[in-house]
PDB file of all heavy atoms in Angstrom:
ATOM      1  N   PHE A   1     -13.693  22.503  -1.470  1.00  0.00           N
ATOM      2  CA  PHE A   1     -13.629  22.376  -2.924  1.00  0.00           C
ATOM      3  C   PHE A   1     -14.817  23.077  -3.580  1.00  0.00           C
ATOM      4  O   PHE A   1     -14.663  23.819  -4.554  1.00  0.00           O
ATOM      5  CB  PHE A   1     -13.606  20.899  -3.313  1.00  0.00           C
ATOM      6  CG  PHE A   1     -13.407  20.667  -4.786  1.00  0.00           C
ATOM      7  CD1 PHE A   1     -12.128  20.539  -5.307  1.00  0.00           C
ATOM      8  CD2 PHE A   1     -14.484  20.600  -5.648  1.00  0.00           C
ATOM      9  CE1 PHE A   1     -11.931  20.327  -6.666  1.00  0.00           C
ATOM     10  CE2 PHE A   1     -14.303  20.398  -7.005  1.00  0.00           C
ATOM     11  CZ  PHE A   1     -13.026  20.260  -7.520  1.00  0.00           C
ATOM     12  N   LEU A   2     -16.013  22.863  -3.042  1.00  0.00           N
ATOM     13  CA  LEU A   2     -17.206  23.479  -3.600  1.00  0.00           C
ATOM     14  C   LEU A   2     -17.156  24.995  -3.471  1.00  0.00           C
ATOM     15  O   LEU A   2     -17.493  25.731  -4.412  1.00  0.00           O
ATOM     16  CB  LEU A   2     -18.450  22.931  -2.911  1.00  0.00           C
ATOM     17  CG  LEU A   2     -19.790  23.511  -3.364  1.00  0.00           C
ATOM     18  CD1 LEU A   2     -20.013  23.253  -4.846  1.00  0.00           C
ATOM     19  CD2 LEU A   2     -20.930  22.926  -2.537  1.00  0.00           C
ATOM     20  N   ALA A   3     -16.727  25.492  -2.305  1.00  0.00           N
ATOM     21  CA  ALA A   3     -16.665  26.936  -2.083  1.00  0.00           C
ATOM     22  C   ALA A   3     -15.681  27.605  -3.032  1.00  0.00           C
ATOM     23  O   ALA A   3     -15.963  28.663  -3.602  1.00  0.00           O
ATOM     24  CB  ALA A   3     -16.289  27.227  -0.631  1.00  0.00           C
ATOM     25  N   ARG A   4     -14.508  27.000  -3.233  1.00  0.00           N
ATOM     26  CA  ARG A   4     -13.530  27.580  -4.145  1.00  0.00           C
ATOM     27  C   ARG A   4     -14.047  27.523  -5.586  1.00  0.00           C
ATOM     28  O   ARG A   4     -13.825  28.450  -6.373  1.00  0.00           O
ATOM     29  CB  ARG A   4     -12.191  26.849  -4.023  1.00  0.00           C
ATOM     30  CG  ARG A   4     -11.512  27.079  -2.683  1.00  0.00           C
ATOM     31  CD  ARG A   4     -10.037  26.753  -2.735  1.00  0.00           C
ATOM     32  NE  ARG A   4      -9.484  26.660  -1.396  1.00  0.00           N
ATOM     33  CZ  ARG A   4      -9.182  27.694  -0.630  1.00  0.00           C
ATOM     34  NH1 ARG A   4      -9.378  28.916  -1.079  1.00  0.00           N
ATOM     35  NH2 ARG A   4      -8.700  27.527   0.583  1.00  0.00           N
ATOM     36  N   SER A   5     -14.722  26.449  -5.935  1.00  0.00           N
ATOM     37  CA  SER A   5     -15.300  26.351  -7.274  1.00  0.00           C
ATOM     38  C   SER A   5     -16.289  27.477  -7.514  1.00  0.00           C
ATOM     39  O   SER A   5     -16.282  28.120  -8.568  1.00  0.00           O
ATOM     40  CB  SER A   5     -15.991  24.992  -7.458  1.00  0.00           C
ATOM     41  OG  SER A   5     -15.083  23.928  -7.328  1.00  0.00           O
ATOM     42  N   LEU A   6     -17.149  27.721  -6.541  1.00  0.00           N
ATOM     43  CA  LEU A   6     -18.129  28.796  -6.657  1.00  0.00           C
ATOM     44  C   LEU A   6     -17.443  30.151  -6.775  1.00  0.00           C
ATOM     45  O   LEU A   6     -17.849  31.003  -7.576  1.00  0.00           O
ATOM     46  CB  LEU A   6     -19.073  28.783  -5.450  1.00  0.00           C
ATOM     47  CG  LEU A   6     -20.109  27.667  -5.404  1.00  0.00           C
ATOM     48  CD1 LEU A   6     -20.797  27.639  -4.039  1.00  0.00           C
ATOM     49  CD2 LEU A   6     -21.147  27.865  -6.508  1.00  0.00           C
ATOM     50  N   ALA A   7     -16.406  30.354  -5.965  1.00  0.00           N
ATOM     51  CA  ALA A   7     -15.702  31.639  -5.991  1.00  0.00           C
ATOM     52  C   ALA A   7     -15.034  31.870  -7.339  1.00  0.00           C
ATOM     53  O   ALA A   7     -15.134  32.950  -7.927  1.00  0.00           O
ATOM     54  CB  ALA A   7     -14.665  31.689  -4.866  1.00  0.00           C
ATOM     55  N   PHE A   8     -14.338  30.843  -7.846  1.00  0.00           N
ATOM     56  CA  PHE A   8     -13.649  30.996  -9.124  1.00  0.00           C
ATOM     57  C   PHE A   8     -14.638  31.191 -10.268  1.00  0.00           C
ATOM     58  O   PHE A   8     -14.445  32.039 -11.136  1.00  0.00           O
ATOM     59  CB  PHE A   8     -12.772  29.781  -9.405  1.00  0.00           C
ATOM     60  CG  PHE A   8     -11.653  29.618  -8.421  1.00  0.00           C
ATOM     61  CD1 PHE A   8     -11.330  28.371  -7.922  1.00  0.00           C
ATOM     62  CD2 PHE A   8     -10.933  30.711  -7.980  1.00  0.00           C
ATOM     63  CE1 PHE A   8     -10.304  28.216  -7.006  1.00  0.00           C
ATOM     64  CE2 PHE A   8      -9.906  30.570  -7.076  1.00  0.00           C
ATOM     65  CZ  PHE A   8      -9.591  29.317  -6.584  1.00  0.00           C
ATOM     66  N   ALA A   9     -15.713  30.373 -10.268  1.00  0.00           N
ATOM     67  CA  ALA A   9     -16.693  30.478 -11.350  1.00  0.00           C
ATOM     68  C   ALA A   9     -17.402  31.827 -11.317  1.00  0.00           C
ATOM     69  O   ALA A   9     -17.571  32.482 -12.344  1.00  0.00           O
ATOM     70  CB  ALA A   9     -17.710  29.344 -11.241  1.00  0.00           C
ATOM     71  N   GLY A  10     -17.806  32.271 -10.118  1.00  0.00           N
ATOM     72  CA  GLY A  10     -18.502  33.545 -10.009  1.00  0.00           C
ATOM     73  C   GLY A  10     -17.623  34.717 -10.377  1.00  0.00           C
ATOM     74  O   GLY A  10     -18.045  35.628 -11.106  1.00  0.00           O
ATOM     75  N   SER A  11     -16.382  34.700  -9.899  1.00  0.00           N
ATOM     76  CA  SER A  11     -15.475  35.806 -10.193  1.00  0.00           C
ATOM     77  C   SER A  11     -15.118  35.833 -11.680  1.00  0.00           C
ATOM     78  O   SER A  11     -15.056  36.901 -12.293  1.00  0.00           O
ATOM     79  CB  SER A  11     -14.199  35.664  -9.356  1.00  0.00           C
ATOM     80  OG  SER A  11     -14.497  35.685  -7.978  1.00  0.00           O
ATOM     81  N   ALA A  12     -14.886  34.645 -12.251  1.00  0.00           N
ATOM     82  CA  ALA A  12     -14.554  34.600 -13.673  1.00  0.00           C
ATOM     83  C   ALA A  12     -15.730  35.050 -14.533  1.00  0.00           C
ATOM     84  O   ALA A  12     -15.553  35.676 -15.574  1.00  0.00           O
ATOM     85  CB  ALA A  12     -14.132  33.178 -14.063  1.00  0.00           C
ATOM     86  N   TRP A  13     -16.932  34.732 -14.089  1.00  0.00           N
ATOM     87  CA  TRP A  13     -18.119  35.173 -14.837  1.00  0.00           C
ATOM     88  C   TRP A  13     -18.240  36.697 -14.803  1.00  0.00           C
ATOM     89  O   TRP A  13     -18.514  37.333 -15.812  1.00  0.00           O
ATOM     90  CB  TRP A  13     -19.380  34.537 -14.252  1.00  0.00           C
ATOM     91  CG  TRP A  13     -20.626  34.918 -15.000  1.00  0.00           C
ATOM     92  CD1 TRP A  13     -21.085  34.389 -16.168  1.00  0.00           C
ATOM     93  CD2 TRP A  13     -21.558  35.939 -14.626  1.00  0.00           C
ATOM     94  NE1 TRP A  13     -22.247  35.001 -16.554  1.00  0.00           N
ATOM     95  CE2 TRP A  13     -22.566  35.965 -15.621  1.00  0.00           C
ATOM     96  CE3 TRP A  13     -21.650  36.824 -13.550  1.00  0.00           C
ATOM     97  CZ2 TRP A  13     -23.641  36.844 -15.574  1.00  0.00           C
ATOM     98  CZ3 TRP A  13     -22.723  37.692 -13.496  1.00  0.00           C
ATOM     99  CH2 TRP A  13     -23.703  37.704 -14.500  1.00  0.00           C
ATOM    100  N   LEU A  14     -17.973  37.270 -13.612  1.00  0.00           N
ATOM    101  CA  LEU A  14     -18.028  38.723 -13.492  1.00  0.00           C
ATOM    102  C   LEU A  14     -16.963  39.381 -14.368  1.00  0.00           C
ATOM    103  O   LEU A  14     -17.182  40.458 -14.933  1.00  0.00           O
ATOM    104  CB  LEU A  14     -17.823  39.141 -12.029  1.00  0.00           C
ATOM    105  CG  LEU A  14     -18.974  38.849 -11.070  1.00  0.00           C
ATOM    106  CD1 LEU A  14     -18.557  39.163  -9.644  1.00  0.00           C
ATOM    107  CD2 LEU A  14     -20.213  39.670 -11.449  1.00  0.00           C
ATOM    108  N   MET A  15     -15.802  38.742 -14.487  1.00  0.00           N
ATOM    109  CA  MET A  15     -14.688  39.311 -15.233  1.00  0.00           C
ATOM    110  C   MET A  15     -14.453  38.572 -16.554  1.00  0.00           C
ATOM    111  O   MET A  15     -13.340  38.523 -17.064  1.00  0.00           O
ATOM    112  CB  MET A  15     -13.406  39.249 -14.378  1.00  0.00           C
ATOM    113  CG  MET A  15     -13.533  39.897 -13.034  1.00  0.00           C
ATOM    114  SD  MET A  15     -13.889  41.671 -13.147  1.00  0.00           S
ATOM    115  CE  MET A  15     -14.085  42.069 -11.416  1.00  0.00           C
ATOM    116  N   ARG A  16     -15.523  37.991 -17.126  1.00  0.00           N
ATOM    117  CA  ARG A  16     -15.365  37.104 -18.279  1.00  0.00           C
ATOM    118  C   ARG A  16     -14.730  37.802 -19.477  1.00  0.00           C
ATOM    119  O   ARG A  16     -14.071  37.151 -20.284  1.00  0.00           O
ATOM    120  CB  ARG A  16     -16.715  36.501 -18.681  1.00  0.00           C
ATOM    121  CG  ARG A  16     -17.810  37.527 -18.967  1.00  0.00           C
ATOM    122  CD  ARG A  16     -19.176  36.833 -19.025  1.00  0.00           C
ATOM    123  NE  ARG A  16     -20.254  37.773 -19.286  1.00  0.00           N
ATOM    124  CZ  ARG A  16     -20.821  38.538 -18.359  1.00  0.00           C
ATOM    125  NH1 ARG A  16     -20.368  38.487 -17.111  1.00  0.00           N
ATOM    126  NH2 ARG A  16     -21.810  39.344 -18.648  1.00  0.00           N
ATOM    127  N   ASP A  17     -14.897  39.118 -19.599  1.00  0.00           N
ATOM    128  CA  ASP A  17     -14.302  39.823 -20.728  1.00  0.00           C
ATOM    129  C   ASP A  17     -12.799  39.993 -20.561  1.00  0.00           C
ATOM    130  O   ASP A  17     -12.104  40.358 -21.498  1.00  0.00           O
ATOM    131  CB  ASP A  17     -14.961  41.190 -20.900  1.00  0.00           C
ATOM    132  CG  ASP A  17     -16.426  41.066 -21.295  1.00  0.00           C
ATOM    133  OD1 ASP A  17     -16.788  40.038 -21.897  1.00  0.00           O
ATOM    134  OD2 ASP A  17     -17.185  41.993 -20.978  1.00  0.00           O
ATOM    135  N   ALA A  18     -12.319  39.738 -19.350  1.00  0.00           N
ATOM    136  CA  ALA A  18     -10.887  39.897 -19.079  1.00  0.00           C
ATOM    137  C   ALA A  18     -10.142  38.564 -19.136  1.00  0.00           C
ATOM    138  O   ALA A  18      -8.956  38.512 -18.848  1.00  0.00           O
ATOM    139  CB  ALA A  18     -10.680  40.548 -17.717  1.00  0.00           C
ATOM    140  N   GLN A  19     -10.855  37.487 -19.508  1.00  0.00           N
ATOM    141  CA  GLN A  19     -10.250  36.163 -19.572  1.00  0.00           C
ATOM    142  C   GLN A  19      -9.519  35.844 -18.264  1.00  0.00           C
ATOM    143  O   GLN A  19      -8.329  35.520 -18.259  1.00  0.00           O
ATOM    144  CB  GLN A  19      -9.290  36.055 -20.755  1.00  0.00           C
ATOM    145  CG  GLN A  19      -9.977  36.245 -22.107  1.00  0.00           C
ATOM    146  CD  GLN A  19      -9.012  36.080 -23.266  1.00  0.00           C
ATOM    147  OE1 GLN A  19      -7.808  36.028 -23.076  1.00  0.00           O
ATOM    148  NE2 GLN A  19      -9.556  36.007 -24.471  1.00  0.00           N
ATOM    149  N   ALA A  20     -10.259  35.927 -17.185  1.00  0.00           N
ATOM    150  CA  ALA A  20      -9.629  35.848 -15.862  1.00  0.00           C
ATOM    151  C   ALA A  20      -9.734  34.482 -15.203  1.00  0.00           C
ATOM    152  O   ALA A  20      -9.462  34.369 -14.022  1.00  0.00           O
ATOM    153  CB  ALA A  20     -10.255  36.900 -14.952  1.00  0.00           C
ATOM    154  N   TRP A  21     -10.129  33.444 -15.911  1.00  0.00           N
ATOM    155  CA  TRP A  21     -10.241  32.141 -15.259  1.00  0.00           C
ATOM    156  C   TRP A  21      -8.895  31.431 -15.199  1.00  0.00           C
ATOM    157  O   TRP A  21      -8.204  31.365 -16.201  1.00  0.00           O
ATOM    158  CB  TRP A  21     -11.225  31.262 -16.031  1.00  0.00           C
ATOM    159  CG  TRP A  21     -11.292  29.888 -15.443  1.00  0.00           C
ATOM    160  CD1 TRP A  21     -10.640  28.786 -15.879  1.00  0.00           C
ATOM    161  CD2 TRP A  21     -12.009  29.494 -14.290  1.00  0.00           C
ATOM    162  NE1 TRP A  21     -10.920  27.722 -15.090  1.00  0.00           N
ATOM    163  CE2 TRP A  21     -11.756  28.124 -14.095  1.00  0.00           C
ATOM    164  CE3 TRP A  21     -12.837  30.162 -13.387  1.00  0.00           C
ATOM    165  CZ2 TRP A  21     -12.320  27.411 -13.050  1.00  0.00           C
ATOM    166  CZ3 TRP A  21     -13.397  29.440 -12.351  1.00  0.00           C
ATOM    167  CH2 TRP A  21     -13.131  28.093 -12.191  1.00  0.00           C
ATOM    168  N   PRO A  22      -8.517  30.748 -14.061  1.00  0.00           N
ATOM    169  CA  PRO A  22      -9.137  30.955 -12.777  1.00  0.00           C
ATOM    170  C   PRO A  22      -8.340  31.885 -11.876  1.00  0.00           C
ATOM    171  O   PRO A  22      -8.818  32.308 -10.854  1.00  0.00           O
ATOM    172  CB  PRO A  22      -9.153  29.541 -12.192  1.00  0.00           C
ATOM    173  CG  PRO A  22      -7.874  28.959 -12.695  1.00  0.00           C
ATOM    174  CD  PRO A  22      -7.655  29.564 -14.071  1.00  0.00           C
ATOM    175  N   TRP A  23      -7.088  32.196 -12.250  1.00  0.00           N
ATOM    176  CA  TRP A  23      -6.261  33.013 -11.357  1.00  0.00           C
ATOM    177  C   TRP A  23      -5.132  33.610 -12.185  1.00  0.00           C
ATOM    178  O   TRP A  23      -4.582  32.939 -13.046  1.00  0.00           O
ATOM    179  CB  TRP A  23      -5.647  32.114 -10.290  1.00  0.00           C
ATOM    180  CG  TRP A  23      -5.186  32.869  -9.085  1.00  0.00           C
ATOM    181  CD1 TRP A  23      -4.189  33.787  -9.026  1.00  0.00           C
ATOM    182  CD2 TRP A  23      -5.728  32.775  -7.784  1.00  0.00           C
ATOM    183  NE1 TRP A  23      -4.069  34.271  -7.768  1.00  0.00           N
ATOM    184  CE2 TRP A  23      -4.999  33.663  -6.977  1.00  0.00           C
ATOM    185  CE3 TRP A  23      -6.752  32.034  -7.201  1.00  0.00           C
ATOM    186  CZ2 TRP A  23      -5.261  33.814  -5.632  1.00  0.00           C
ATOM    187  CZ3 TRP A  23      -7.007  32.191  -5.871  1.00  0.00           C
ATOM    188  CH2 TRP A  23      -6.261  33.073  -5.091  1.00  0.00           C
ATOM    189  N   PRO A  24      -4.670  34.816 -11.944  1.00  0.00           N
ATOM    190  CA  PRO A  24      -5.216  35.800 -11.019  1.00  0.00           C
ATOM    191  C   PRO A  24      -6.069  36.825 -11.749  1.00  0.00           C
ATOM    192  O   PRO A  24      -5.910  37.036 -12.948  1.00  0.00           O
ATOM    193  CB  PRO A  24      -3.954  36.474 -10.461  1.00  0.00           C
ATOM    194  CG  PRO A  24      -3.018  36.444 -11.632  1.00  0.00           C
ATOM    195  CD  PRO A  24      -3.317  35.183 -12.396  1.00  0.00           C
ATOM    196  N   LEU A  25      -6.954  37.442 -11.069  1.00  0.00           N
ATOM    197  CA  LEU A  25      -7.766  38.480 -11.673  1.00  0.00           C
ATOM    198  C   LEU A  25      -6.975  39.772 -11.848  1.00  0.00           C
ATOM    199  O   LEU A  25      -7.447  40.709 -12.475  1.00  0.00           O
ATOM    200  CB  LEU A  25      -9.007  38.750 -10.816  1.00  0.00           C
ATOM    201  CG  LEU A  25     -10.042  37.614 -10.814  1.00  0.00           C
ATOM    202  CD1 LEU A  25     -11.232  38.004  -9.969  1.00  0.00           C
ATOM    203  CD2 LEU A  25     -10.491  37.283 -12.214  1.00  0.00           C
ATOM    204  N   SER A  26      -5.784  39.803 -11.301  1.00  0.00           N
ATOM    205  CA  SER A  26      -4.973  41.014 -11.452  1.00  0.00           C
ATOM    206  C   SER A  26      -4.539  41.218 -12.897  1.00  0.00           C
ATOM    207  O   SER A  26      -4.079  42.297 -13.262  1.00  0.00           O
ATOM    208  CB  SER A  26      -3.736  40.927 -10.552  1.00  0.00           C
ATOM    209  OG  SER A  26      -3.002  39.755 -10.846  1.00  0.00           O
ATOM    210  N   THR A  27      -4.681  40.195 -13.718  1.00  0.00           N
ATOM    211  CA  THR A  27      -4.307  40.333 -15.127  1.00  0.00           C
ATOM    212  C   THR A  27      -5.437  40.919 -15.958  1.00  0.00           C
ATOM    213  O   THR A  27      -5.276  41.127 -17.162  1.00  0.00           O
ATOM    214  CB  THR A  27      -3.957  38.958 -15.714  1.00  0.00           C
ATOM    215  OG1 THR A  27      -5.104  38.103 -15.636  1.00  0.00           O
ATOM    216  CG2 THR A  27      -2.813  38.318 -14.952  1.00  0.00           C
ATOM    217  N   MET A  28      -6.568  41.210 -15.332  1.00  0.00           N
ATOM    218  CA  MET A  28      -7.749  41.575 -16.115  1.00  0.00           C
ATOM    219  C   MET A  28      -7.615  42.962 -16.735  1.00  0.00           C
ATOM    220  O   MET A  28      -8.143  43.208 -17.807  1.00  0.00           O
ATOM    221  CB  MET A  28      -9.004  41.522 -15.230  1.00  0.00           C
ATOM    222  CG  MET A  28      -9.029  42.556 -14.114  1.00  0.00           C
ATOM    223  SD  MET A  28     -10.456  42.336 -13.046  1.00  0.00           S
ATOM    224  CE  MET A  28     -10.219  43.679 -11.870  1.00  0.00           C
ATOM    225  N   ALA A  29      -6.957  43.881 -16.077  1.00  0.00           N
ATOM    226  CA  ALA A  29      -6.880  45.241 -16.611  1.00  0.00           C
ATOM    227  C   ALA A  29      -5.799  46.024 -15.894  1.00  0.00           C
ATOM    228  O   ALA A  29      -5.328  45.645 -14.831  1.00  0.00           O
ATOM    229  CB  ALA A  29      -8.223  45.950 -16.448  1.00  0.00           C
ATOM    230  N   ALA A  30      -5.425  47.106 -16.490  1.00  0.00           N
ATOM    231  CA  ALA A  30      -4.393  47.940 -15.877  1.00  0.00           C
ATOM    232  C   ALA A  30      -4.883  48.583 -14.591  1.00  0.00           C
ATOM    233  O   ALA A  30      -4.093  49.015 -13.773  1.00  0.00           O
ATOM    234  CB  ALA A  30      -3.953  49.016 -16.858  1.00  0.00           C
ATOM    235  N   GLY A  31      -6.197  48.635 -14.422  1.00  0.00           N
ATOM    236  CA  GLY A  31      -6.761  49.275 -13.233  1.00  0.00           C
ATOM    237  C   GLY A  31      -6.960  48.336 -12.072  1.00  0.00           C
ATOM    238  O   GLY A  31      -7.849  48.539 -11.256  1.00  0.00           O
ATOM    239  N   SER A  32      -6.173  47.266 -11.984  1.00  0.00           N
ATOM    240  CA  SER A  32      -6.300  46.318 -10.891  1.00  0.00           C
ATOM    241  C   SER A  32      -6.146  47.025  -9.548  1.00  0.00           C
ATOM    242  O   SER A  32      -5.327  47.925  -9.381  1.00  0.00           O
ATOM    243  CB  SER A  32      -5.242  45.227 -11.016  1.00  0.00           C
ATOM    244  OG  SER A  32      -5.258  44.394  -9.883  1.00  0.00           O
ATOM    245  N   LEU A  33      -6.927  46.551  -8.575  1.00  0.00           N
ATOM    246  CA  LEU A  33      -6.880  47.172  -7.249  1.00  0.00           C
ATOM    247  C   LEU A  33      -5.636  46.767  -6.467  1.00  0.00           C
ATOM    248  O   LEU A  33      -5.265  47.430  -5.501  1.00  0.00           O
ATOM    249  CB  LEU A  33      -8.134  46.778  -6.453  1.00  0.00           C
ATOM    250  CG  LEU A  33      -9.476  47.263  -7.011  1.00  0.00           C
ATOM    251  CD1 LEU A  33     -10.621  46.681  -6.203  1.00  0.00           C
ATOM    252  CD2 LEU A  33      -9.529  48.788  -6.985  1.00  0.00           C
ATOM    253  N   TRP A  34      -4.997  45.676  -6.873  1.00  0.00           N
ATOM    254  CA  TRP A  34      -3.892  45.152  -6.064  1.00  0.00           C
ATOM    255  C   TRP A  34      -2.555  45.760  -6.485  1.00  0.00           C
ATOM    256  O   TRP A  34      -2.243  45.820  -7.668  1.00  0.00           O
ATOM    257  CB  TRP A  34      -3.828  43.634  -6.196  1.00  0.00           C
ATOM    258  CG  TRP A  34      -2.926  43.040  -5.160  1.00  0.00           C
ATOM    259  CD1 TRP A  34      -1.650  42.584  -5.331  1.00  0.00           C
ATOM    260  CD2 TRP A  34      -3.211  42.887  -3.768  1.00  0.00           C
ATOM    261  NE1 TRP A  34      -1.125  42.144  -4.142  1.00  0.00           N
ATOM    262  CE2 TRP A  34      -2.071  42.331  -3.161  1.00  0.00           C
ATOM    263  CE3 TRP A  34      -4.325  43.183  -2.979  1.00  0.00           C
ATOM    264  CZ2 TRP A  34      -2.012  42.043  -1.805  1.00  0.00           C
ATOM    265  CZ3 TRP A  34      -4.277  42.901  -1.629  1.00  0.00           C
ATOM    266  CH2 TRP A  34      -3.135  42.337  -1.050  1.00  0.00           C
ATOM    267  N   PRO A  35      -1.732  46.194  -5.524  1.00  0.00           N
ATOM    268  CA  PRO A  35      -0.428  46.816  -5.841  1.00  0.00           C
ATOM    269  C   PRO A  35       0.635  45.774  -6.161  1.00  0.00           C
ATOM    270  O   PRO A  35       1.541  45.503  -5.365  1.00  0.00           O
ATOM    271  CB  PRO A  35      -0.100  47.582  -4.554  1.00  0.00           C
ATOM    272  CG  PRO A  35      -0.761  46.786  -3.478  1.00  0.00           C
ATOM    273  CD  PRO A  35      -2.033  46.252  -4.078  1.00  0.00           C
ATOM    274  N   GLU A  36       0.559  45.184  -7.344  1.00  0.00           N
ATOM    275  CA  GLU A  36       1.474  44.098  -7.715  1.00  0.00           C
ATOM    276  C   GLU A  36       2.935  44.546  -7.774  1.00  0.00           C
ATOM    277  O   GLU A  36       3.845  43.718  -7.624  1.00  0.00           O
ATOM    278  CB  GLU A  36       1.084  43.533  -9.077  1.00  0.00           C
ATOM    279  CG  GLU A  36      -0.087  42.589  -9.048  1.00  0.00           C
ATOM    280  CD  GLU A  36      -0.236  41.875 -10.375  1.00  0.00           C
ATOM    281  OE1 GLU A  36      -0.919  42.416 -11.254  1.00  0.00           O
ATOM    282  OE2 GLU A  36       0.358  40.796 -10.533  1.00  0.00           O
ATOM    283  N   SER A  37       3.160  45.827  -8.012  1.00  0.00           N
ATOM    284  CA  SER A  37       4.539  46.304  -8.142  1.00  0.00           C
ATOM    285  C   SER A  37       5.220  46.497  -6.790  1.00  0.00           C
ATOM    286  O   SER A  37       6.430  46.702  -6.733  1.00  0.00           O
ATOM    287  CB  SER A  37       4.552  47.632  -8.913  1.00  0.00           C
ATOM    288  OG  SER A  37       3.794  48.626  -8.230  1.00  0.00           O
ATOM    289  N   TRP A  38       4.471  46.423  -5.714  1.00  0.00           N
ATOM    290  CA  TRP A  38       5.048  46.605  -4.381  1.00  0.00           C
ATOM    291  C   TRP A  38       5.862  45.372  -3.998  1.00  0.00           C
ATOM    292  O   TRP A  38       5.648  44.280  -4.538  1.00  0.00           O
ATOM    293  CB  TRP A  38       3.955  46.852  -3.359  1.00  0.00           C
ATOM    294  CG  TRP A  38       3.239  48.162  -3.542  1.00  0.00           C
ATOM    295  CD1 TRP A  38       3.316  49.001  -4.610  1.00  0.00           C
ATOM    296  CD2 TRP A  38       2.328  48.769  -2.628  1.00  0.00           C
ATOM    297  NE1 TRP A  38       2.521  50.102  -4.431  1.00  0.00           N
ATOM    298  CE2 TRP A  38       1.894  49.987  -3.211  1.00  0.00           C
ATOM    299  CE3 TRP A  38       1.824  48.417  -1.380  1.00  0.00           C
ATOM    300  CZ2 TRP A  38       0.990  50.843  -2.586  1.00  0.00           C
ATOM    301  CZ3 TRP A  38       0.916  49.268  -0.749  1.00  0.00           C
ATOM    302  CH2 TRP A  38       0.526  50.470  -1.348  1.00  0.00           C
ATOM    303  N   PRO A  39       6.785  45.499  -3.046  1.00  0.00           N
ATOM    304  CA  PRO A  39       7.563  44.344  -2.590  1.00  0.00           C
ATOM    305  C   PRO A  39       6.650  43.212  -2.102  1.00  0.00           C
ATOM    306  O   PRO A  39       5.582  43.462  -1.527  1.00  0.00           O
ATOM    307  CB  PRO A  39       8.401  44.920  -1.436  1.00  0.00           C
ATOM    308  CG  PRO A  39       8.524  46.371  -1.764  1.00  0.00           C
ATOM    309  CD  PRO A  39       7.228  46.749  -2.412  1.00  0.00           C
ATOM    310  N   PHE A  40       7.108  41.990  -2.327  1.00  0.00           N
ATOM    311  CA  PHE A  40       6.275  40.824  -2.020  1.00  0.00           C
ATOM    312  C   PHE A  40       5.865  40.788  -0.562  1.00  0.00           C
ATOM    313  O   PHE A  40       4.701  40.489  -0.235  1.00  0.00           O
ATOM    314  CB  PHE A  40       7.055  39.546  -2.373  1.00  0.00           C
ATOM    315  CG  PHE A  40       6.274  38.285  -2.116  1.00  0.00           C
ATOM    316  CD1 PHE A  40       5.367  37.811  -3.049  1.00  0.00           C
ATOM    317  CD2 PHE A  40       6.451  37.580  -0.929  1.00  0.00           C
ATOM    318  CE1 PHE A  40       4.644  36.651  -2.818  1.00  0.00           C
ATOM    319  CE2 PHE A  40       5.737  36.420  -0.684  1.00  0.00           C
ATOM    320  CZ  PHE A  40       4.828  35.963  -1.639  1.00  0.00           C
ATOM    321  N   TRP A  41       6.766  41.110   0.357  1.00  0.00           N
ATOM    322  CA  TRP A  41       6.442  40.996   1.781  1.00  0.00           C
ATOM    323  C   TRP A  41       5.388  42.019   2.194  1.00  0.00           C
ATOM    324  O   TRP A  41       4.577  41.756   3.101  1.00  0.00           O
ATOM    325  CB  TRP A  41       7.708  41.136   2.628  1.00  0.00           C
ATOM    326  CG  TRP A  41       8.308  42.517   2.662  1.00  0.00           C
ATOM    327  CD1 TRP A  41       9.242  43.027   1.814  1.00  0.00           C
ATOM    328  CD2 TRP A  41       7.997  43.564   3.595  1.00  0.00           C
ATOM    329  NE1 TRP A  41       9.542  44.329   2.144  1.00  0.00           N
ATOM    330  CE2 TRP A  41       8.794  44.685   3.233  1.00  0.00           C
ATOM    331  CE3 TRP A  41       7.133  43.677   4.685  1.00  0.00           C
ATOM    332  CZ2 TRP A  41       8.741  45.884   3.933  1.00  0.00           C
ATOM    333  CZ3 TRP A  41       7.080  44.876   5.387  1.00  0.00           C
ATOM    334  CH2 TRP A  41       7.883  45.961   5.009  1.00  0.00           C
TER     335      TRP A  41
END
């Protein structure tokens, strides 16, 4: 619980301008690193 809290708080702080709390950070910008359009599998 503590580790996930730290991860979410730290990541959200880094991406605070993208309103990314707490999930997912893929919504932060069009330049997301994750290929969301690819098939789920």
